[in-house]
Amino acid sequence: MPRLFFSLIFVFAASIASAAEVTDLYQAQAPVESQSEEDRKRLAPDLLKQVVIKVVGDRRAVEQADISALVTDAERYIDQHYYQQISTIDNDTPTQQLALTMDFNANGINTALQRIGLPVWDKIRPESLLWVAIDYQGKQQLITEGDEDSLVLQIQQAAKKRGIPLLMPLMDLEDQSQLTFNDVSTGNTTAVNQASERYGASIVVTARLSGNAESAEISWQAILGEDTERWSSQGNVQTAIQQGVDELADRLGRRLNMPISSSGDTELAIQVSGVNDFEGYSRLMDYLGSLQVVSDIKVGSLGSEKLDLVLVIQAEPERFRQLLSMGRVVQPDSTDNTGLQYRLLP
């Protein structure tokens, strides 16, 4: 069998700078044999559980909770379902397969999770920039999103299943001048971080996988702020990739998700500087309104390019402040010690 090598070292920026909205957070998909009602009803509980894991962000938290009643009543939460042909991997080769897609009701799911006591990872999530070096069938190269490679498809599908926004490099002349195959395959974090600056991603990813299509082992490393975490995954390539991405999502989810407050709304007063025109004001309000845990925004005074706001949130304020800085729209004022003053980014 051909030898397969590519590397996976996850390097997280010290502070989360860029994020994207996951638009299919309450959607799940699975291959299906037919469009029969029997197959649809049989798959509904499994697809709902996929959504719960994606929304909560942490498989361990879901497994420790009792979601049996929610899953058993899966059809109650379906907004719509449809069928389509999707790309899947068969013997390391992309192929077409009929799939069932279900969209579940976001408010209904969130209310059920609140009753169960499970946290919710907001739909605004950090973007991951993924550099992948492959040494496969005698070829050494850095792959991009546009490459027709089964590894790209498997990584994208694994990230989509867990609601992780994924970026891949352009590998244009600028990238090629800053980063070599050896930089990525050996995890040269200095070179990788420098090449990644242009993308503004929150999470920078490089890598290491060894083995072949049938038997692979991936060693993962994550630097999250001042913490370094490592884990590994094994199996065929598709399984090893999904297990590794699952673990990444779990660790991110535990850091960034937050329980929906059962004690009612909390008001949080903040001040945002740098709001000097209507475009900036609209961008700020659109961002705040997109956050699931923000139920209302009360606008106060605007003076000297500083906007006073009172946010009505359904979350613990300290965890919310961490989320607020994640979207590359505002950042904490470095001269403020209260955690209540922010600056609108350009």
C-alpha atoms as a PDB file:
ATOM      1  CA  MET A   1       0.000   0.000   0.000  1.00  0.00           C
ATOM      2  CA  PRO A   2       1.257   3.542  -0.660  1.00  0.00           C
ATOM      3  CA  ARG A   3       2.714   5.253   2.350  1.00  0.00           C
ATOM      4  CA  LEU A   4       0.819   8.251   3.559  1.00  0.00           C
ATOM      5  CA  PHE A   5       2.312  11.069   5.552  1.00  0.00           C
ATOM      6  CA  PHE A   6       0.934  14.397   6.541  1.00  0.00           C
ATOM      7  CA  SER A   7       1.289  16.371   9.699  1.00  0.00           C
ATOM      8  CA  LEU A   8      -1.256  17.801  12.124  1.00  0.00           C
ATOM      9  CA  ILE A   9       0.057  20.160  14.804  1.00  0.00           C
ATOM     10  CA  PHE A  10      -2.579  22.605  15.992  1.00  0.00           C
ATOM     11  CA  VAL A  11      -1.214  25.959  17.057  1.00  0.00           C
ATOM     12  CA  PHE A  12      -3.740  28.310  18.625  1.00  0.00           C
ATOM     13  CA  ALA A  13      -3.147  32.043  18.644  1.00  0.00           C
ATOM     14  CA  ALA A  14      -2.710  33.399  22.134  1.00  0.00           C
ATOM     15  CA  SER A  15      -5.896  35.395  21.808  1.00  0.00           C
ATOM     16  CA  ILE A  16      -8.858  34.498  19.653  1.00  0.00           C
ATOM     17  CA  ALA A  17      -9.007  37.129  16.930  1.00  0.00           C
ATOM     18  CA  SER A  18     -11.247  35.944  14.110  1.00  0.00           C
ATOM     19  CA  ALA A  19     -14.558  34.149  14.053  1.00  0.00           C
ATOM     20  CA  ALA A  20     -17.342  33.196  11.664  1.00  0.00           C
ATOM     21  CA  GLU A  21     -21.023  32.397  11.969  1.00  0.00           C
ATOM     22  CA  VAL A  22     -21.884  28.705  11.628  1.00  0.00           C
ATOM     23  CA  THR A  23     -25.040  28.852   9.517  1.00  0.00           C
ATOM     24  CA  ASP A  24     -25.856  25.130   9.621  1.00  0.00           C
ATOM     25  CA  LEU A  25     -25.471  24.641  13.370  1.00  0.00           C
ATOM     26  CA  TYR A  26     -28.896  23.014  13.730  1.00  0.00           C
ATOM     27  CA  GLN A  27     -28.556  20.855  10.625  1.00  0.00           C
ATOM     28  CA  ALA A  28     -27.307  17.266  10.330  1.00  0.00           C
ATOM     29  CA  GLN A  29     -26.813  14.919   7.417  1.00  0.00           C
ATOM     30  CA  ALA A  30     -26.316  11.178   6.911  1.00  0.00           C
ATOM     31  CA  PRO A  31     -26.170   8.731   3.983  1.00  0.00           C
ATOM     32  CA  VAL A  32     -29.458   6.901   3.422  1.00  0.00           C
ATOM     33  CA  GLU A  33     -30.512   3.907   1.342  1.00  0.00           C
ATOM     34  CA  SER A  34     -33.867   5.312   0.245  1.00  0.00           C
ATOM     35  CA  GLN A  35     -36.314   8.186   0.646  1.00  0.00           C
ATOM     36  CA  SER A  36     -38.751   6.019   2.578  1.00  0.00           C
ATOM     37  CA  GLU A  37     -40.543   7.238   5.700  1.00  0.00           C
ATOM     38  CA  GLU A  38     -39.130   4.246   7.571  1.00  0.00           C
ATOM     39  CA  ASP A  39     -35.520   5.264   6.855  1.00  0.00           C
ATOM     40  CA  ARG A  40     -36.270   8.894   7.740  1.00  0.00           C
ATOM     41  CA  LYS A  41     -37.809   8.023  11.123  1.00  0.00           C
ATOM     42  CA  ARG A  42     -34.982   5.609  11.883  1.00  0.00           C
ATOM     43  CA  LEU A  43     -32.302   8.243  11.250  1.00  0.00           C
ATOM     44  CA  ALA A  44     -34.020  11.173  12.987  1.00  0.00           C
ATOM     45  CA  PRO A  45     -32.741  10.397  16.547  1.00  0.00           C
ATOM     46  CA  ASP A  46     -29.150   9.952  15.350  1.00  0.00           C
ATOM     47  CA  LEU A  47     -29.257  13.200  13.373  1.00  0.00           C
ATOM     48  CA  LEU A  48     -30.696  15.076  16.343  1.00  0.00           C
ATOM     49  CA  LYS A  49     -27.896  13.753  18.549  1.00  0.00           C
ATOM     50  CA  GLN A  50     -25.369  15.004  15.958  1.00  0.00           C
ATOM     51  CA  VAL A  51     -26.921  18.465  16.250  1.00  0.00           C
ATOM     52  CA  VAL A  52     -26.877  18.365  20.062  1.00  0.00           C
ATOM     53  CA  ILE A  53     -23.161  17.490  20.047  1.00  0.00           C
ATOM     54  CA  LYS A  54     -22.452  20.248  17.498  1.00  0.00           C
ATOM     55  CA  VAL A  55     -24.427  22.839  19.492  1.00  0.00           C
ATOM     56  CA  VAL A  56     -23.016  21.867  22.903  1.00  0.00           C
ATOM     57  CA  GLY A  57     -19.511  21.419  21.497  1.00  0.00           C
ATOM     58  CA  ASP A  58     -18.393  18.745  23.966  1.00  0.00           C
ATOM     59  CA  ARG A  59     -19.180  15.042  23.516  1.00  0.00           C
ATOM     60  CA  ARG A  60     -18.317  14.260  27.137  1.00  0.00           C
ATOM     61  CA  ALA A  61     -20.905  16.719  28.444  1.00  0.00           C
ATOM     62  CA  VAL A  62     -23.555  15.230  26.143  1.00  0.00           C
ATOM     63  CA  GLU A  63     -22.727  11.647  27.154  1.00  0.00           C
ATOM     64  CA  GLN A  64     -22.952  12.532  30.849  1.00  0.00           C
ATOM     65  CA  ALA A  65     -26.372  14.171  30.446  1.00  0.00           C
ATOM     66  CA  ASP A  66     -29.700  12.402  29.987  1.00  0.00           C
ATOM     67  CA  ILE A  67     -30.837  13.386  26.492  1.00  0.00           C
ATOM     68  CA  SER A  68     -32.912  10.239  25.936  1.00  0.00           C
ATOM     69  CA  ALA A  69     -36.273  12.043  26.025  1.00  0.00           C
ATOM     70  CA  LEU A  70     -35.037  14.715  23.623  1.00  0.00           C
ATOM     71  CA  VAL A  71     -33.643  12.178  21.148  1.00  0.00           C
ATOM     72  CA  THR A  72     -36.677   9.899  21.350  1.00  0.00           C
ATOM     73  CA  ASP A  73     -38.897  12.857  20.445  1.00  0.00           C
ATOM     74  CA  ALA A  74     -36.628  13.912  17.561  1.00  0.00           C
ATOM     75  CA  GLU A  75     -39.372  14.324  14.949  1.00  0.00           C
ATOM     76  CA  ARG A  76     -41.023  17.015  17.061  1.00  0.00           C
ATOM     77  CA  TYR A  77     -38.022  19.302  16.509  1.00  0.00           C
ATOM     78  CA  ILE A  78     -37.669  18.873  12.715  1.00  0.00           C
ATOM     79  CA  ASP A  79     -38.304  22.075  10.736  1.00  0.00           C
ATOM     80  CA  GLN A  80     -37.666  20.484   7.346  1.00  0.00           C
ATOM     81  CA  HIS A  81     -35.910  17.577   5.666  1.00  0.00           C
ATOM     82  CA  TYR A  82     -34.692  16.932   2.133  1.00  0.00           C
ATOM     83  CA  TYR A  83     -32.557  14.573   0.072  1.00  0.00           C
ATOM     84  CA  GLN A  84     -29.525  15.230  -2.104  1.00  0.00           C
ATOM     85  CA  GLN A  85     -26.472  13.579  -3.596  1.00  0.00           C
ATOM     86  CA  ILE A  86     -23.309  14.232  -1.560  1.00  0.00           C
ATOM     87  CA  SER A  87     -19.631  13.360  -1.954  1.00  0.00           C
ATOM     88  CA  THR A  88     -18.377  10.590   0.332  1.00  0.00           C
ATOM     89  CA  ILE A  89     -15.164   8.546   0.556  1.00  0.00           C
ATOM     90  CA  ASP A  90     -15.137   4.893  -0.541  1.00  0.00           C
ATOM     91  CA  ASN A  91     -11.754   3.114  -0.459  1.00  0.00           C
ATOM     92  CA  ASP A  92      -9.983   6.495  -0.382  1.00  0.00           C
ATOM     93  CA  THR A  93     -11.910   7.598  -3.499  1.00  0.00           C
ATOM     94  CA  PRO A  94     -14.627  10.284  -3.591  1.00  0.00           C
ATOM     95  CA  THR A  95     -18.015   8.941  -4.697  1.00  0.00           C
ATOM     96  CA  GLN A  96     -21.646  10.085  -4.745  1.00  0.00           C
ATOM     97  CA  GLN A  97     -24.195   8.929  -2.168  1.00  0.00           C
ATOM     98  CA  LEU A  98     -27.845   9.752  -1.467  1.00  0.00           C
ATOM     99  CA  ALA A  99     -28.084  11.649   1.844  1.00  0.00           C
ATOM    100  CA  LEU A 100     -30.853  12.828   4.142  1.00  0.00           C
ATOM    101  CA  THR A 101     -30.515  16.335   5.596  1.00  0.00           C
ATOM    102  CA  MET A 102     -32.598  17.508   8.543  1.00  0.00           C
ATOM    103  CA  ASP A 103     -32.947  21.064   9.837  1.00  0.00           C
ATOM    104  CA  PHE A 104     -33.978  21.200  13.495  1.00  0.00           C
ATOM    105  CA  ASN A 105     -35.662  24.079  15.333  1.00  0.00           C
ATOM    106  CA  ALA A 106     -33.027  26.209  17.071  1.00  0.00           C
ATOM    107  CA  ASN A 107     -35.278  27.671  19.763  1.00  0.00           C
ATOM    108  CA  GLY A 108     -36.749  24.283  20.574  1.00  0.00           C
ATOM    109  CA  ILE A 109     -33.315  22.665  20.872  1.00  0.00           C
ATOM    110  CA  ASN A 110     -31.918  25.496  23.013  1.00  0.00           C
ATOM    111  CA  THR A 111     -34.922  25.366  25.356  1.00  0.00           C
ATOM    112  CA  ALA A 112     -34.548  21.596  25.717  1.00  0.00           C
ATOM    113  CA  LEU A 113     -30.808  21.939  26.423  1.00  0.00           C
ATOM    114  CA  GLN A 114     -31.550  24.559  29.065  1.00  0.00           C
ATOM    115  CA  ARG A 115     -33.940  22.161  30.820  1.00  0.00           C
ATOM    116  CA  ILE A 116     -31.321  19.412  30.704  1.00  0.00           C
ATOM    117  CA  GLY A 117     -28.608  21.759  31.985  1.00  0.00           C
ATOM    118  CA  LEU A 118     -26.311  21.530  28.962  1.00  0.00           C
ATOM    119  CA  PRO A 119     -24.276  24.545  27.758  1.00  0.00           C
ATOM    120  CA  VAL A 120     -24.516  26.056  24.285  1.00  0.00           C
ATOM    121  CA  TRP A 121     -21.507  26.929  22.124  1.00  0.00           C
ATOM    122  CA  ASP A 122     -22.509  30.070  20.253  1.00  0.00           C
ATOM    123  CA  LYS A 123     -22.901  30.043  16.467  1.00  0.00           C
ATOM    124  CA  ILE A 124     -20.104  32.665  16.295  1.00  0.00           C
ATOM    125  CA  ARG A 125     -17.039  30.424  16.403  1.00  0.00           C
ATOM    126  CA  PRO A 126     -13.270  30.838  15.896  1.00  0.00           C
ATOM    127  CA  GLU A 127     -11.937  30.244  12.399  1.00  0.00           C
ATOM    128  CA  SER A 128      -9.238  27.619  11.914  1.00  0.00           C
ATOM    129  CA  LEU A 129      -6.607  28.078   9.214  1.00  0.00           C
ATOM    130  CA  LEU A 130      -5.372  24.641   8.166  1.00  0.00           C
ATOM    131  CA  TRP A 131      -1.977  24.070   6.541  1.00  0.00           C
ATOM    132  CA  VAL A 132      -1.592  20.459   5.379  1.00  0.00           C
ATOM    133  CA  ALA A 133       1.625  18.886   4.071  1.00  0.00           C
ATOM    134  CA  ILE A 134       1.237  15.507   2.364  1.00  0.00           C
ATOM    135  CA  ASP A 135       3.849  12.981   1.302  1.00  0.00           C
ATOM    136  CA  TYR A 136       1.648  10.591  -0.656  1.00  0.00           C
ATOM    137  CA  GLN A 137       2.343   8.249  -3.572  1.00  0.00           C
ATOM    138  CA  GLY A 138       5.738   9.841  -4.184  1.00  0.00           C
ATOM    139  CA  LYS A 139       4.419  13.432  -4.115  1.00  0.00           C
ATOM    140  CA  GLN A 140       5.259  16.065  -1.539  1.00  0.00           C
ATOM    141  CA  GLN A 141       3.068  19.150  -1.502  1.00  0.00           C
ATOM    142  CA  LEU A 142       1.090  21.625   0.528  1.00  0.00           C
ATOM    143  CA  ILE A 143      -2.586  21.246  -0.341  1.00  0.00           C
ATOM    144  CA  THR A 144      -5.242  23.924  -0.654  1.00  0.00           C
ATOM    145  CA  GLU A 145      -9.018  23.991  -0.490  1.00  0.00           C
ATOM    146  CA  GLY A 146      -9.255  23.792  -4.287  1.00  0.00           C
ATOM    147  CA  ASP A 147      -7.241  20.564  -4.529  1.00  0.00           C
ATOM    148  CA  GLU A 148      -9.193  17.510  -5.663  1.00  0.00           C
ATOM    149  CA  ASP A 149      -7.840  15.303  -2.916  1.00  0.00           C
ATOM    150  CA  SER A 150      -9.800  12.913  -0.697  1.00  0.00           C
ATOM    151  CA  LEU A 151      -7.901  14.195   2.352  1.00  0.00           C
ATOM    152  CA  VAL A 152      -9.251  17.712   1.765  1.00  0.00           C
ATOM    153  CA  LEU A 153     -12.807  16.387   1.495  1.00  0.00           C
ATOM    154  CA  GLN A 154     -12.466  14.283   4.657  1.00  0.00           C
ATOM    155  CA  ILE A 155     -11.042  17.188   6.683  1.00  0.00           C
ATOM    156  CA  GLN A 156     -13.761  19.547   5.462  1.00  0.00           C
ATOM    157  CA  GLN A 157     -16.511  17.047   6.253  1.00  0.00           C
ATOM    158  CA  ALA A 158     -15.091  16.340   9.727  1.00  0.00           C
ATOM    159  CA  ALA A 159     -14.960  20.070  10.514  1.00  0.00           C
ATOM    160  CA  LYS A 160     -18.462  20.677   9.139  1.00  0.00           C
ATOM    161  CA  LYS A 161     -19.893  17.847  11.241  1.00  0.00           C
ATOM    162  CA  ARG A 162     -18.642  19.560  14.402  1.00  0.00           C
ATOM    163  CA  GLY A 163     -19.396  23.151  13.378  1.00  0.00           C
ATOM    164  CA  ILE A 164     -15.788  24.317  13.080  1.00  0.00           C
ATOM    165  CA  PRO A 165     -15.291  27.159  10.537  1.00  0.00           C
ATOM    166  CA  LEU A 166     -12.352  26.089   8.398  1.00  0.00           C
ATOM    167  CA  LEU A 167      -9.998  28.092   6.185  1.00  0.00           C
ATOM    168  CA  MET A 168      -7.333  26.686   3.874  1.00  0.00           C
ATOM    169  CA  PRO A 169      -4.427  28.729   2.454  1.00  0.00           C
ATOM    170  CA  LEU A 170      -4.310  30.054  -1.091  1.00  0.00           C
ATOM    171  CA  MET A 171      -0.788  28.728  -1.630  1.00  0.00           C
ATOM    172  CA  ASP A 172      -0.147  31.635  -3.994  1.00  0.00           C
ATOM    173  CA  LEU A 173       3.247  33.206  -4.559  1.00  0.00           C
ATOM    174  CA  GLU A 174       3.108  35.043  -1.222  1.00  0.00           C
ATOM    175  CA  ASP A 175       2.449  31.823   0.711  1.00  0.00           C
ATOM    176  CA  GLN A 176       5.091  29.919  -1.236  1.00  0.00           C
ATOM    177  CA  SER A 177       7.690  32.603  -0.546  1.00  0.00           C
ATOM    178  CA  GLN A 178       7.090  32.442   3.221  1.00  0.00           C
ATOM    179  CA  LEU A 179       6.458  28.767   3.897  1.00  0.00           C
ATOM    180  CA  THR A 180       7.993  25.515   2.677  1.00  0.00           C
ATOM    181  CA  PHE A 181       6.789  21.947   2.756  1.00  0.00           C
ATOM    182  CA  ASN A 182       9.359  21.222   5.445  1.00  0.00           C
ATOM    183  CA  ASP A 183       8.116  24.128   7.609  1.00  0.00           C
ATOM    184  CA  VAL A 184       4.638  22.612   7.741  1.00  0.00           C
ATOM    185  CA  SER A 185       5.644  18.956   8.035  1.00  0.00           C
ATOM    186  CA  THR A 186       8.034  19.682  10.931  1.00  0.00           C
ATOM    187  CA  GLY A 187       5.745  22.158  12.672  1.00  0.00           C
ATOM    188  CA  ASN A 188       7.932  25.253  12.332  1.00  0.00           C
ATOM    189  CA  THR A 189       5.562  27.457  14.325  1.00  0.00           C
ATOM    190  CA  THR A 190       7.531  30.661  13.741  1.00  0.00           C
ATOM    191  CA  ALA A 191       7.347  30.328   9.958  1.00  0.00           C
ATOM    192  CA  VAL A 192       3.740  29.064  10.003  1.00  0.00           C
ATOM    193  CA  ASN A 193       2.503  31.876  12.254  1.00  0.00           C
ATOM    194  CA  GLN A 194       4.246  34.475  10.108  1.00  0.00           C
ATOM    195  CA  ALA A 195       2.688  33.080   6.915  1.00  0.00           C
ATOM    196  CA  SER A 196      -0.710  32.900   8.619  1.00  0.00           C
ATOM    197  CA  GLU A 197      -0.890  36.560   9.654  1.00  0.00           C
ATOM    198  CA  ARG A 198      -2.429  37.631   6.326  1.00  0.00           C
ATOM    199  CA  TYR A 199      -5.444  35.377   6.920  1.00  0.00           C
ATOM    200  CA  GLY A 200      -6.319  36.764  10.358  1.00  0.00           C
ATOM    201  CA  ALA A 201      -7.513  33.362  11.557  1.00  0.00           C
ATOM    202  CA  SER A 202      -8.018  32.658  15.243  1.00  0.00           C
ATOM    203  CA  ILE A 203      -6.500  29.198  15.051  1.00  0.00           C
ATOM    204  CA  VAL A 204      -3.460  28.252  12.984  1.00  0.00           C
ATOM    205  CA  VAL A 205      -3.122  24.588  12.079  1.00  0.00           C
ATOM    206  CA  THR A 206      -0.176  22.505  10.846  1.00  0.00           C
ATOM    207  CA  ALA A 207       0.399  18.759  11.090  1.00  0.00           C
ATOM    208  CA  ARG A 208       1.693  15.139  11.374  1.00  0.00           C
ATOM    209  CA  LEU A 209       0.009  11.865  10.263  1.00  0.00           C
ATOM    210  CA  SER A 210       1.817   8.622   9.434  1.00  0.00           C
ATOM    211  CA  GLY A 211       0.665   5.272   8.064  1.00  0.00           C
ATOM    212  CA  ASN A 212      -1.527   4.538   5.066  1.00  0.00           C
ATOM    213  CA  ALA A 213      -5.176   4.743   4.033  1.00  0.00           C
ATOM    214  CA  GLU A 214      -6.112   1.619   6.011  1.00  0.00           C
ATOM    215  CA  SER A 215      -3.986   2.212   9.111  1.00  0.00           C
ATOM    216  CA  ALA A 216      -3.046   5.713  10.196  1.00  0.00           C
ATOM    217  CA  GLU A 217      -1.983   7.399  13.420  1.00  0.00           C
ATOM    218  CA  ILE A 218      -2.194  11.150  13.964  1.00  0.00           C
ATOM    219  CA  SER A 219      -0.370  12.955  16.746  1.00  0.00           C
ATOM    220  CA  TRP A 220      -2.104  16.223  17.644  1.00  0.00           C
ATOM    221  CA  GLN A 221      -0.735  19.209  19.532  1.00  0.00           C
ATOM    222  CA  ALA A 222      -2.718  22.295  20.539  1.00  0.00           C
ATOM    223  CA  ILE A 223      -1.309  25.488  22.034  1.00  0.00           C
ATOM    224  CA  LEU A 224      -4.235  27.371  23.584  1.00  0.00           C
ATOM    225  CA  GLY A 225      -2.977  30.604  25.035  1.00  0.00           C
ATOM    226  CA  GLU A 226      -0.376  29.524  27.573  1.00  0.00           C
ATOM    227  CA  ASP A 227      -1.570  25.902  27.562  1.00  0.00           C
ATOM    228  CA  THR A 228      -0.268  23.110  25.350  1.00  0.00           C
ATOM    229  CA  GLU A 229      -2.442  20.040  24.843  1.00  0.00           C
ATOM    230  CA  ARG A 230      -1.662  16.844  22.968  1.00  0.00           C
ATOM    231  CA  TRP A 231      -3.656  13.810  21.896  1.00  0.00           C
ATOM    232  CA  SER A 232      -3.618  11.149  19.203  1.00  0.00           C
ATOM    233  CA  SER A 233      -6.109   9.317  16.999  1.00  0.00           C
ATOM    234  CA  GLN A 234      -5.863   6.030  15.117  1.00  0.00           C
ATOM    235  CA  GLY A 235      -7.717   3.952  12.542  1.00  0.00           C
ATOM    236  CA  ASN A 236      -8.180   4.288   8.824  1.00  0.00           C
ATOM    237  CA  VAL A 237      -7.470   7.786   7.548  1.00  0.00           C
ATOM    238  CA  GLN A 238     -11.101   8.905   7.595  1.00  0.00           C
ATOM    239  CA  THR A 239     -11.647   7.627  11.141  1.00  0.00           C
ATOM    240  CA  ALA A 240      -8.381   9.112  12.420  1.00  0.00           C
ATOM    241  CA  ILE A 241      -9.201  12.524  10.952  1.00  0.00           C
ATOM    242  CA  GLN A 242     -12.738  12.552  12.369  1.00  0.00           C
ATOM    243  CA  GLN A 243     -11.560  11.417  15.821  1.00  0.00           C
ATOM    244  CA  GLY A 244      -8.867  14.092  15.905  1.00  0.00           C
ATOM    245  CA  VAL A 245     -11.219  16.875  14.792  1.00  0.00           C
ATOM    246  CA  ASP A 246     -13.806  15.637  17.305  1.00  0.00           C
ATOM    247  CA  GLU A 247     -11.262  15.994  20.093  1.00  0.00           C
ATOM    248  CA  LEU A 248     -10.305  19.464  18.862  1.00  0.00           C
ATOM    249  CA  ALA A 249     -13.971  20.516  18.869  1.00  0.00           C
ATOM    250  CA  ASP A 250     -14.475  19.079  22.361  1.00  0.00           C
ATOM    251  CA  ARG A 251     -11.554  21.040  23.760  1.00  0.00           C
ATOM    252  CA  LEU A 252     -12.648  24.264  22.061  1.00  0.00           C
ATOM    253  CA  GLY A 253     -16.247  23.702  23.142  1.00  0.00           C
ATOM    254  CA  ARG A 254     -15.290  23.244  26.790  1.00  0.00           C
ATOM    255  CA  ARG A 255     -13.450  26.566  26.682  1.00  0.00           C
ATOM    256  CA  LEU A 256     -15.999  28.609  24.746  1.00  0.00           C
ATOM    257  CA  ASN A 257     -19.488  27.188  25.301  1.00  0.00           C
ATOM    258  CA  MET A 258     -21.644  28.549  28.110  1.00  0.00           C
ATOM    259  CA  PRO A 259     -24.763  27.404  29.929  1.00  0.00           C
ATOM    260  CA  ILE A 260     -27.946  29.218  28.982  1.00  0.00           C
ATOM    261  CA  SER A 261     -28.796  31.034  32.199  1.00  0.00           C
ATOM    262  CA  SER A 262     -31.724  29.452  34.055  1.00  0.00           C
ATOM    263  CA  SER A 263     -31.940  32.425  36.434  1.00  0.00           C
ATOM    264  CA  GLY A 264     -33.188  34.834  33.784  1.00  0.00           C
ATOM    265  CA  ASP A 265     -31.601  37.719  31.929  1.00  0.00           C
ATOM    266  CA  THR A 266     -28.550  39.638  33.118  1.00  0.00           C
ATOM    267  CA  GLU A 267     -27.794  43.223  32.137  1.00  0.00           C
ATOM    268  CA  LEU A 268     -24.210  44.032  31.199  1.00  0.00           C
ATOM    269  CA  ALA A 269     -23.190  47.668  30.626  1.00  0.00           C
ATOM    270  CA  ILE A 270     -20.289  48.179  28.217  1.00  0.00           C
ATOM    271  CA  GLN A 271     -18.724  51.118  26.414  1.00  0.00           C
ATOM    272  CA  VAL A 272     -17.337  50.825  22.870  1.00  0.00           C
ATOM    273  CA  SER A 273     -14.936  53.429  21.488  1.00  0.00           C
ATOM    274  CA  GLY A 274     -14.090  54.009  17.835  1.00  0.00           C
ATOM    275  CA  VAL A 275     -17.718  54.187  16.702  1.00  0.00           C
ATOM    276  CA  ASN A 276     -17.239  57.215  14.468  1.00  0.00           C
ATOM    277  CA  ASP A 277     -19.721  56.646  11.629  1.00  0.00           C
ATOM    278  CA  PHE A 278     -22.930  54.833  10.743  1.00  0.00           C
ATOM    279  CA  GLU A 279     -21.057  51.975   9.067  1.00  0.00           C
ATOM    280  CA  GLY A 280     -19.195  51.241  12.286  1.00  0.00           C
ATOM    281  CA  TYR A 281     -22.366  51.507  14.339  1.00  0.00           C
ATOM    282  CA  SER A 282     -24.218  49.112  12.009  1.00  0.00           C
ATOM    283  CA  ARG A 283     -21.364  46.606  12.011  1.00  0.00           C
ATOM    284  CA  LEU A 284     -21.233  46.626  15.815  1.00  0.00           C
ATOM    285  CA  MET A 285     -24.990  46.210  16.235  1.00  0.00           C
ATOM    286  CA  ASP A 286     -25.173  43.451  13.613  1.00  0.00           C
ATOM    287  CA  TYR A 287     -22.438  41.535  15.432  1.00  0.00           C
ATOM    288  CA  LEU A 288     -24.001  41.895  18.873  1.00  0.00           C
ATOM    289  CA  GLY A 289     -27.409  40.926  17.483  1.00  0.00           C
ATOM    290  CA  SER A 290     -25.951  37.746  15.971  1.00  0.00           C
ATOM    291  CA  LEU A 291     -24.847  36.375  19.358  1.00  0.00           C
ATOM    292  CA  GLN A 292     -27.341  33.772  20.577  1.00  0.00           C
ATOM    293  CA  VAL A 293     -27.079  34.716  24.225  1.00  0.00           C
ATOM    294  CA  VAL A 294     -27.887  38.401  23.578  1.00  0.00           C
ATOM    295  CA  SER A 295     -31.643  38.833  23.935  1.00  0.00           C
ATOM    296  CA  ASP A 296     -31.774  42.650  23.825  1.00  0.00           C
ATOM    297  CA  ILE A 297     -29.556  45.677  23.216  1.00  0.00           C
ATOM    298  CA  LYS A 298     -30.264  49.025  24.873  1.00  0.00           C
ATOM    299  CA  VAL A 299     -28.463  51.957  23.281  1.00  0.00           C
ATOM    300  CA  GLY A 300     -27.342  54.755  25.594  1.00  0.00           C
ATOM    301  CA  SER A 301     -25.401  57.888  24.791  1.00  0.00           C
ATOM    302  CA  LEU A 302     -22.901  58.392  21.987  1.00  0.00           C
ATOM    303  CA  GLY A 303     -20.221  60.961  22.579  1.00  0.00           C
ATOM    304  CA  SER A 304     -16.573  61.435  21.558  1.00  0.00           C
ATOM    305  CA  GLU A 305     -16.879  58.335  19.375  1.00  0.00           C
ATOM    306  CA  LYS A 306     -17.823  56.265  22.445  1.00  0.00           C
ATOM    307  CA  LEU A 307     -21.084  54.322  22.533  1.00  0.00           C
ATOM    308  CA  ASP A 308     -22.708  53.248  25.809  1.00  0.00           C
ATOM    309  CA  LEU A 309     -24.684  50.018  25.598  1.00  0.00           C
ATOM    310  CA  VAL A 310     -26.579  47.788  27.992  1.00  0.00           C
ATOM    311  CA  LEU A 311     -26.674  44.185  26.756  1.00  0.00           C
ATOM    312  CA  VAL A 312     -29.341  41.828  28.077  1.00  0.00           C
ATOM    313  CA  ILE A 313     -27.647  38.430  28.080  1.00  0.00           C
ATOM    314  CA  GLN A 314     -28.563  34.864  29.001  1.00  0.00           C
ATOM    315  CA  ALA A 315     -25.098  33.882  30.181  1.00  0.00           C
ATOM    316  CA  GLU A 316     -22.545  34.379  32.929  1.00  0.00           C
ATOM    317  CA  PRO A 317     -20.927  37.811  32.289  1.00  0.00           C
ATOM    318  CA  GLU A 318     -17.296  36.664  32.502  1.00  0.00           C
ATOM    319  CA  ARG A 319     -17.818  33.867  29.959  1.00  0.00           C
ATOM    320  CA  PHE A 320     -19.742  36.288  27.755  1.00  0.00           C
ATOM    321  CA  ARG A 321     -16.858  38.792  27.758  1.00  0.00           C
ATOM    322  CA  GLN A 322     -14.600  36.043  26.425  1.00  0.00           C
ATOM    323  CA  LEU A 323     -17.101  35.340  23.644  1.00  0.00           C
ATOM    324  CA  LEU A 324     -17.563  39.032  22.857  1.00  0.00           C
ATOM    325  CA  SER A 325     -13.902  39.523  21.978  1.00  0.00           C
ATOM    326  CA  MET A 326     -13.842  36.544  19.650  1.00  0.00           C
ATOM    327  CA  GLY A 327     -15.542  37.948  16.571  1.00  0.00           C
ATOM    328  CA  ARG A 328     -12.823  40.327  15.330  1.00  0.00           C
ATOM    329  CA  VAL A 329     -15.309  43.188  15.679  1.00  0.00           C
ATOM    330  CA  VAL A 330     -14.415  44.538  19.129  1.00  0.00           C
ATOM    331  CA  GLN A 331     -11.506  44.001  21.477  1.00  0.00           C
ATOM    332  CA  PRO A 332     -11.003  44.913  25.131  1.00  0.00           C
ATOM    333  CA  ASP A 333      -9.472  48.319  25.790  1.00  0.00           C
ATOM    334  CA  SER A 334      -5.944  47.590  27.003  1.00  0.00           C
ATOM    335  CA  THR A 335      -6.047  50.575  29.375  1.00  0.00           C
ATOM    336  CA  ASP A 336      -9.218  49.374  31.127  1.00  0.00           C
ATOM    337  CA  ASN A 337      -9.160  47.064  34.153  1.00  0.00           C
ATOM    338  CA  THR A 338     -12.918  46.676  34.521  1.00  0.00           C
ATOM    339  CA  GLY A 339     -13.469  44.458  31.463  1.00  0.00           C
ATOM    340  CA  LEU A 340     -16.331  46.728  30.399  1.00  0.00           C
ATOM    341  CA  GLN A 341     -14.613  48.967  27.846  1.00  0.00           C
ATOM    342  CA  TYR A 342     -14.018  47.846  24.265  1.00  0.00           C
ATOM    343  CA  ARG A 343     -12.683  49.284  21.027  1.00  0.00           C
ATOM    344  CA  LEU A 344     -14.335  48.777  17.636  1.00  0.00           C
ATOM    345  CA  LEU A 345     -11.829  47.230  15.245  1.00  0.00           C
ATOM    346  CA  PRO A 346     -11.413  48.644  11.707  1.00  0.00           C
END
